[in-house]
Amino acid sequence: MAHREAEPCLGVAYNIRQTGTVLRTSYARVLETPFNENLILASVGCADAVLNPLLGCAASGANPLSPGWRNEFHVGLQQAAGRYLVFPGEYIWKYTHDAYDFSVLGATPITFPIEWHNSKIPGFASRVSVPDFHGFSALLVFSSVSARFFLPQLGGAGAVPSAPGGVFRIDHDEKFNQTTHLQYQPWKQGPWVGFNWRYDSGLVAGSVPFAVSGNPGDVGFQVDLSGLTADQQFQAGLMCNGVRATPISALPTSCPGSQFSSSLVKIPAPGTENDDKNPPRIAPRHLFDLAIGHDNVFHGDKYKVSLQLTAINLSNRYALYNFLSTFSGTHYLTPRTLTAEVGFHF
């Protein structure tokens, strides 16, 4: 469907020299077009007799996609504290009409665009850096994003999510994450050591069981586990009365709410789940990496030999990155990985 949209952009910055402060703000009006992957599938998939059941379509007709438009605002600050500390940060608002996300074809990796009435995505991103100080340097990067999409579905094939309030959060919504990098090199021509600390409060998770019978306060309050396969229950770390699901052995179809838990997904308390205000999320996690290296082992001038040893996920943390994501499915974190690298520079 054709659509015309003016795309003005405006930005203003002001430098306060006395305090070393830079203030900035910007606005952009942006035309949003559908993602390129499988546009035909998204437009006619529900009308195809073979694809219709795989997509879980609520209607048999085709839903053509139409371009959307976004109002995007940025407000930022940059502050320097002498030559020892630099802090830049900004707050971002993205308000989109006819907003897009990805959907997935059954249990395959085939994705296609799907269109919703609108979305609101505010968030912030900041960084604190310490330049080299007697061989020591540090960098802290942290951010937060709220990704809220609003019904109804306007275009694309696929099932409408169950969102009684008309609002749901997609799976890159995360309250807080940060990465801290510390590095120390005692001598300019000597070895160095680097350390990374990553914390994630948890992305919004895909479908986990919330169909219940009874009231949350009742002794007989039950959670219905029939919506997930045994393997999906295992992937989510679901447990009933301390017994964990396995890839081939599912939990009982119904589990008392007081006995239902997960080691990998943060599940709201019985009766409190809300697709907008309190969705299920991946459990919070801390990850640590360590690297030791030398950029010029033999102190050469024209030719240099470097050596680096790296350990990723030093504590070998077992955790999910996402669960039943509509875009990429389910992924675990990389297990502990040790790497040795030798380089020859000329």
Protein backbone atom coordinates (compact mmCIF):
# COMPACT_ATOMS: atom_id res chain seq x y z
CA MET A 1 0.00 0.00 0.00
CA ALA A 2 1.42 3.38 -1.03
CA HIS A 3 2.00 6.02 1.60
CA ARG A 4 3.68 9.43 1.61
CA GLU A 5 5.21 10.96 4.70
CA ALA A 6 7.39 14.02 5.28
CA GLU A 7 10.48 13.11 7.31
CA PRO A 8 11.75 16.29 9.01
CA CYS A 9 14.68 16.07 11.45
CA LEU A 10 15.74 18.75 13.91
CA GLY A 11 18.58 18.73 16.44
CA VAL A 12 19.94 21.33 18.86
CA ALA A 13 23.03 21.15 21.11
CA TYR A 14 24.41 23.66 23.62
CA ASN A 15 27.87 23.64 25.22
CA ILE A 16 28.23 25.13 28.72
CA ARG A 17 31.97 25.76 28.77
CA GLN A 18 32.20 26.75 32.43
CA THR A 19 31.04 23.30 33.60
CA GLY A 20 32.09 21.15 30.63
CA THR A 21 28.47 20.23 29.97
CA VAL A 22 26.82 19.56 26.62
CA LEU A 23 23.03 19.53 26.38
CA ARG A 24 21.28 18.20 23.28
CA THR A 25 17.84 17.38 22.01
CA SER A 26 16.46 16.17 18.69
CA TYR A 27 13.25 15.21 16.93
CA ALA A 28 12.65 13.07 13.84
CA ARG A 29 9.53 12.10 11.93
CA VAL A 30 10.24 8.75 10.27
CA LEU A 31 8.36 6.66 7.72
CA GLU A 32 8.27 3.03 8.89
CA THR A 33 8.11 0.34 6.19
CA PRO A 34 7.57 -3.40 6.78
CA PHE A 35 10.54 -5.69 7.33
CA ASN A 36 11.70 -7.27 4.08
CA GLU A 37 11.62 -10.90 5.22
CA ASN A 38 8.75 -12.90 3.69
CA LEU A 39 6.44 -10.01 2.86
CA ILE A 40 4.25 -12.22 0.65
CA LEU A 41 3.86 -14.78 3.42
CA ALA A 42 2.81 -12.03 5.82
CA SER A 43 0.22 -10.67 3.37
CA VAL A 44 -1.45 -13.88 2.15
CA GLY A 45 -0.43 -16.54 4.66
CA CYS A 46 -3.77 -16.70 6.45
CA ALA A 47 -5.55 -17.20 3.13
CA ASP A 48 -3.39 -20.25 2.31
CA ALA A 49 -5.00 -23.54 3.34
CA VAL A 50 -1.62 -25.08 4.22
CA LEU A 51 -0.13 -22.13 6.12
CA ASN A 52 -3.31 -21.12 7.95
CA PRO A 53 -3.13 -23.77 10.72
CA LEU A 54 0.64 -23.32 11.12
CA LEU A 55 0.23 -19.60 11.65
CA GLY A 56 -2.63 -19.97 14.11
CA CYS A 57 -4.65 -17.42 12.17
CA ALA A 58 -7.71 -15.93 13.78
CA ALA A 59 -9.16 -15.14 10.34
CA SER A 60 -8.95 -16.82 6.94
CA GLY A 61 -8.57 -13.61 4.91
CA ALA A 62 -5.41 -11.79 3.90
CA ASN A 63 -4.30 -8.74 5.85
CA PRO A 64 -2.22 -6.44 3.64
CA LEU A 65 0.56 -4.47 5.33
CA SER A 66 0.69 -0.70 5.19
CA PRO A 67 3.56 1.69 6.05
CA GLY A 68 3.60 3.35 9.44
CA TRP A 69 5.11 6.54 10.84
CA ARG A 70 7.07 7.34 13.98
CA ASN A 71 7.69 10.39 16.15
CA GLU A 72 11.11 10.00 17.79
CA PHE A 73 12.57 12.26 20.49
CA HIS A 74 16.05 12.28 22.05
CA VAL A 75 17.19 14.31 25.07
CA GLY A 76 20.84 13.96 26.05
CA LEU A 77 23.51 15.18 28.41
CA GLN A 78 27.30 14.86 28.32
CA GLN A 79 29.36 15.78 31.36
CA ALA A 80 33.12 15.65 31.87
CA ALA A 81 34.82 15.63 35.27
CA GLY A 82 38.27 16.85 34.35
CA ARG A 83 40.24 14.21 32.47
CA TYR A 84 39.26 11.39 34.81
CA LEU A 85 35.58 10.79 34.06
CA VAL A 86 33.19 11.26 31.13
CA PHE A 87 29.43 10.69 31.34
CA PRO A 88 27.18 10.80 28.24
CA GLY A 89 23.55 9.70 28.45
CA GLU A 90 20.23 10.17 26.72
CA TYR A 91 16.54 9.44 27.09
CA ILE A 92 14.63 8.25 24.02
CA TRP A 93 10.94 8.18 23.10
CA LYS A 94 9.72 6.26 20.04
CA TYR A 95 5.98 6.54 19.36
CA THR A 96 4.96 4.59 16.26
CA HIS A 97 1.62 4.40 14.43
CA ASP A 98 1.13 1.12 12.53
CA ALA A 99 4.05 -0.50 14.37
CA TYR A 100 5.86 -3.64 13.26
CA ASP A 101 7.20 -6.70 15.00
CA PHE A 102 8.18 -10.19 13.81
CA SER A 103 6.07 -13.33 13.91
CA VAL A 104 7.19 -16.90 13.26
CA LEU A 105 5.94 -19.76 11.09
CA GLY A 106 5.06 -22.61 13.46
CA ALA A 107 8.20 -24.03 15.12
CA THR A 108 10.46 -23.03 12.21
CA PRO A 109 13.06 -20.23 12.01
CA ILE A 110 11.02 -18.59 9.22
CA THR A 111 9.97 -15.09 10.27
CA PHE A 112 7.73 -12.45 8.72
CA PRO A 113 6.47 -8.96 9.67
CA ILE A 114 3.29 -8.41 11.62
CA GLU A 115 1.63 -5.03 12.16
CA TRP A 116 -0.08 -3.59 15.25
CA HIS A 117 -2.12 -0.44 15.86
CA ASN A 118 0.73 1.44 17.59
CA SER A 119 3.70 1.08 19.90
CA LYS A 120 5.37 3.15 22.63
CA ILE A 121 9.08 2.49 23.22
CA PRO A 122 10.75 4.82 25.74
CA GLY A 123 14.13 4.08 27.29
CA PHE A 124 17.52 5.42 28.28
CA ALA A 125 21.13 4.59 27.45
CA SER A 126 24.15 5.92 29.34
CA ARG A 127 27.88 5.40 29.66
CA VAL A 128 30.50 6.24 32.27
CA SER A 129 34.13 5.98 31.19
CA VAL A 130 37.43 6.46 32.96
CA PRO A 131 40.26 7.22 30.49
CA ASP A 132 43.67 5.65 31.05
CA PHE A 133 44.93 6.53 34.53
CA HIS A 134 48.32 5.01 35.36
CA GLY A 135 47.46 1.92 33.33
CA PHE A 136 43.90 1.58 34.66
CA SER A 137 40.78 2.19 32.56
CA ALA A 138 37.09 1.49 33.12
CA LEU A 139 33.84 1.61 31.18
CA LEU A 140 30.26 1.23 32.41
CA VAL A 141 27.39 1.02 29.91
CA PHE A 142 23.79 0.70 31.12
CA SER A 143 20.34 0.99 29.59
CA SER A 144 16.64 0.28 29.93
CA VAL A 145 13.86 -0.12 27.37
CA SER A 146 10.10 -0.42 27.59
CA ALA A 147 8.54 -1.95 24.44
CA ARG A 148 4.73 -1.77 24.58
CA PHE A 149 2.54 -2.73 21.62
CA PHE A 150 -1.16 -2.01 21.36
CA LEU A 151 -3.93 -4.07 19.79
CA PRO A 152 -5.60 -4.57 17.40
CA GLN A 153 -3.49 -6.36 14.83
CA LEU A 154 -3.73 -4.45 11.54
CA GLY A 155 -1.76 -6.58 9.10
CA GLY A 156 0.28 -9.68 8.62
CA ALA A 157 -0.56 -13.29 9.37
CA GLY A 158 -0.55 -14.92 12.77
CA ALA A 159 -2.51 -15.21 15.97
CA VAL A 160 -3.43 -12.18 18.06
CA PRO A 161 -1.75 -12.44 21.50
CA SER A 162 -3.91 -12.82 24.55
CA ALA A 163 -3.78 -9.32 26.04
CA PRO A 164 -7.03 -8.57 27.91
CA GLY A 165 -5.94 -4.97 28.49
CA GLY A 166 -5.13 -4.46 24.81
CA VAL A 167 -1.41 -3.91 25.57
CA PHE A 168 1.48 -6.38 25.58
CA ARG A 169 5.27 -6.18 25.75
CA ILE A 170 7.54 -7.73 23.14
CA ASP A 171 10.63 -9.69 24.02
CA HIS A 172 13.31 -6.98 23.88
CA ASP A 173 11.65 -5.14 26.77
CA GLU A 174 14.06 -5.13 29.74
CA LYS A 175 14.01 -3.02 32.87
CA PHE A 176 17.77 -2.73 33.30
CA ASN A 177 21.06 -4.10 31.99
CA GLN A 178 24.66 -3.06 32.43
CA THR A 179 28.13 -4.03 31.31
CA THR A 180 31.21 -3.04 33.31
CA HIS A 181 34.71 -3.42 31.82
CA LEU A 182 37.85 -2.96 33.91
CA GLN A 183 41.35 -3.16 32.46
CA TYR A 184 44.78 -2.76 33.99
CA GLN A 185 48.19 -2.63 32.31
CA PRO A 186 50.94 -1.86 34.85
CA TRP A 187 53.57 -1.14 32.16
CA LYS A 188 53.00 0.34 28.72
CA GLN A 189 54.98 -2.43 27.04
CA GLY A 190 53.85 -5.18 29.41
CA PRO A 191 50.91 -7.58 29.80
CA TRP A 192 47.38 -6.48 30.62
CA VAL A 193 44.33 -8.02 32.29
CA GLY A 194 40.68 -7.26 31.49
CA PHE A 195 37.51 -8.14 33.40
CA ASN A 196 33.86 -7.90 32.27
CA TRP A 197 30.74 -7.99 34.45
CA ARG A 198 27.36 -8.21 32.72
CA TYR A 199 24.01 -7.96 34.53
CA ASP A 200 20.57 -8.42 32.95
CA SER A 201 17.32 -7.99 34.84
CA GLY A 202 15.62 -10.24 32.24
CA LEU A 203 13.88 -9.87 28.88
CA VAL A 204 10.14 -10.44 28.57
CA ALA A 205 9.64 -14.18 28.11
CA GLY A 206 7.37 -15.95 25.66
CA SER A 207 4.33 -17.97 26.62
CA VAL A 208 4.49 -19.68 30.02
CA PRO A 209 1.46 -21.32 31.66
CA PHE A 210 -1.02 -19.07 33.41
CA ALA A 211 -4.34 -20.77 32.67
CA VAL A 212 -5.69 -21.54 36.13
CA SER A 213 -8.64 -23.03 37.97
CA GLY A 214 -9.87 -21.64 41.27
CA ASN A 215 -8.81 -18.39 42.92
CA PRO A 216 -5.22 -17.48 43.86
CA GLY A 217 -6.12 -17.49 47.56
CA ASP A 218 -7.67 -20.95 47.46
CA VAL A 219 -5.80 -24.00 48.72
CA GLY A 220 -6.75 -25.84 45.51
CA PHE A 221 -5.48 -23.11 43.16
CA GLN A 222 -4.11 -24.89 40.07
CA VAL A 223 -1.83 -23.93 37.17
CA ASP A 224 -2.57 -25.56 33.82
CA LEU A 225 0.65 -26.88 32.23
CA SER A 226 -0.93 -28.48 29.16
CA GLY A 227 -0.03 -25.56 26.85
CA LEU A 228 3.69 -26.50 26.62
CA THR A 229 5.39 -29.66 25.43
CA ALA A 230 7.74 -31.61 27.71
CA ASP A 231 10.76 -30.11 25.94
CA GLN A 232 9.40 -26.56 26.27
CA GLN A 233 8.73 -27.12 29.98
CA PHE A 234 12.32 -28.36 30.35
CA GLN A 235 13.69 -25.36 28.43
CA ALA A 236 11.85 -22.99 30.78
CA GLY A 237 13.14 -24.85 33.86
CA LEU A 238 9.58 -25.51 35.08
CA MET A 239 9.11 -27.48 38.29
CA CYS A 240 6.12 -28.87 40.18
CA ASN A 241 6.64 -29.79 43.84
CA GLY A 242 10.41 -29.72 43.28
CA VAL A 243 10.30 -32.12 40.31
CA ARG A 244 11.69 -30.65 37.10
CA ALA A 245 10.44 -31.45 33.60
CA THR A 246 12.77 -33.30 31.23
CA PRO A 247 12.89 -33.15 27.40
CA ILE A 248 10.82 -36.36 27.22
CA SER A 249 8.90 -36.30 30.51
CA ALA A 250 6.37 -33.54 31.08
CA LEU A 251 5.05 -32.35 34.42
CA PRO A 252 1.50 -33.22 35.48
CA THR A 253 -1.12 -31.42 33.43
CA SER A 254 -2.20 -29.49 36.50
CA CYS A 255 0.08 -28.26 39.30
CA PRO A 256 -0.91 -26.52 42.56
CA GLY A 257 0.04 -22.86 42.37
CA SER A 258 1.97 -23.05 45.64
CA GLN A 259 4.21 -25.81 44.19
CA PHE A 260 4.79 -24.31 40.73
CA SER A 261 8.14 -22.59 40.02
CA SER A 262 10.96 -22.16 37.50
CA SER A 263 14.74 -22.02 37.80
CA LEU A 264 15.19 -20.09 34.53
CA VAL A 265 12.10 -17.90 34.11
CA LYS A 266 10.76 -15.34 36.57
CA ILE A 267 7.06 -16.17 36.76
CA PRO A 268 4.65 -13.69 38.41
CA ALA A 269 2.87 -14.89 41.53
CA PRO A 270 -0.42 -16.75 40.87
CA GLY A 271 -3.14 -14.33 39.85
CA THR A 272 -0.79 -11.35 39.31
CA GLU A 273 0.35 -11.91 35.69
CA ASN A 274 -0.37 -9.02 33.35
CA ASP A 275 0.87 -8.79 29.75
CA ASP A 276 1.65 -5.09 30.22
CA LYS A 277 2.37 -4.38 33.88
CA ASN A 278 3.73 -7.72 35.09
CA PRO A 279 4.67 -10.13 32.27
CA PRO A 280 6.85 -13.23 32.75
CA ARG A 281 10.55 -12.52 32.28
CA ILE A 282 13.82 -14.35 31.97
CA ALA A 283 15.39 -14.73 35.43
CA PRO A 284 17.99 -12.05 36.35
CA ARG A 285 21.62 -13.09 35.90
CA HIS A 286 25.23 -12.01 36.40
CA LEU A 287 27.94 -13.04 33.92
CA PHE A 288 31.72 -12.63 34.19
CA ASP A 289 34.47 -12.74 31.54
CA LEU A 290 38.22 -12.56 32.02
CA ALA A 291 41.03 -11.87 29.54
CA ILE A 292 44.82 -11.75 29.90
CA GLY A 293 47.02 -10.59 27.05
CA HIS A 294 50.24 -9.07 25.78
CA ASP A 295 50.30 -6.90 22.65
CA ASN A 296 54.06 -7.25 22.00
CA VAL A 297 55.44 -10.38 23.62
CA PHE A 298 58.98 -10.12 22.21
CA HIS A 299 59.13 -6.29 22.26
CA GLY A 300 59.61 -6.10 18.50
CA ASP A 301 59.63 -2.86 16.53
CA LYS A 302 58.65 -3.74 12.97
CA TYR A 303 57.19 -7.18 13.69
CA LYS A 304 55.08 -7.87 16.76
CA VAL A 305 53.66 -11.04 18.28
CA SER A 306 50.56 -10.77 20.48
CA LEU A 307 49.03 -13.31 22.83
CA GLN A 308 45.59 -13.33 24.45
CA LEU A 309 43.77 -15.83 26.69
CA THR A 310 40.02 -15.33 27.17
CA ALA A 311 37.43 -17.00 29.40
CA ILE A 312 33.76 -16.27 28.57
CA ASN A 313 31.10 -17.01 31.20
CA LEU A 314 33.81 -17.65 33.76
CA SER A 315 31.41 -19.11 36.37
CA ASN A 316 29.75 -21.34 33.72
CA ARG A 317 26.32 -19.88 34.49
CA TYR A 318 23.43 -21.95 33.10
CA ALA A 319 20.68 -19.52 32.04
CA LEU A 320 18.29 -18.54 29.27
CA TYR A 321 18.77 -15.57 26.98
CA ASN A 322 15.18 -15.72 25.73
CA PHE A 323 12.27 -18.18 25.75
CA LEU A 324 9.82 -18.80 22.90
CA SER A 325 10.72 -15.47 21.30
CA THR A 326 8.49 -14.74 18.31
CA PHE A 327 11.59 -13.64 16.42
CA SER A 328 14.32 -16.13 17.36
CA GLY A 329 12.82 -18.91 19.48
CA THR A 330 14.64 -20.09 22.61
CA HIS A 331 18.34 -19.56 23.29
CA TYR A 332 20.65 -20.37 26.18
CA LEU A 333 23.71 -18.41 27.21
CA THR A 334 27.09 -19.54 25.91
CA PRO A 335 28.66 -21.98 28.41
CA ARG A 336 32.14 -21.38 29.75
CA THR A 337 34.43 -21.00 26.74
CA LEU A 338 38.23 -20.75 26.84
CA THR A 339 40.05 -19.22 23.87
CA ALA A 340 43.75 -18.73 23.11
CA GLU A 341 44.79 -16.33 20.35
CA VAL A 342 48.24 -15.69 18.88
CA GLY A 343 48.69 -12.79 16.44
CA PHE A 344 51.53 -11.72 14.16
CA HIS A 345 51.53 -8.00 13.24
CA PHE A 346 53.64 -6.48 10.48
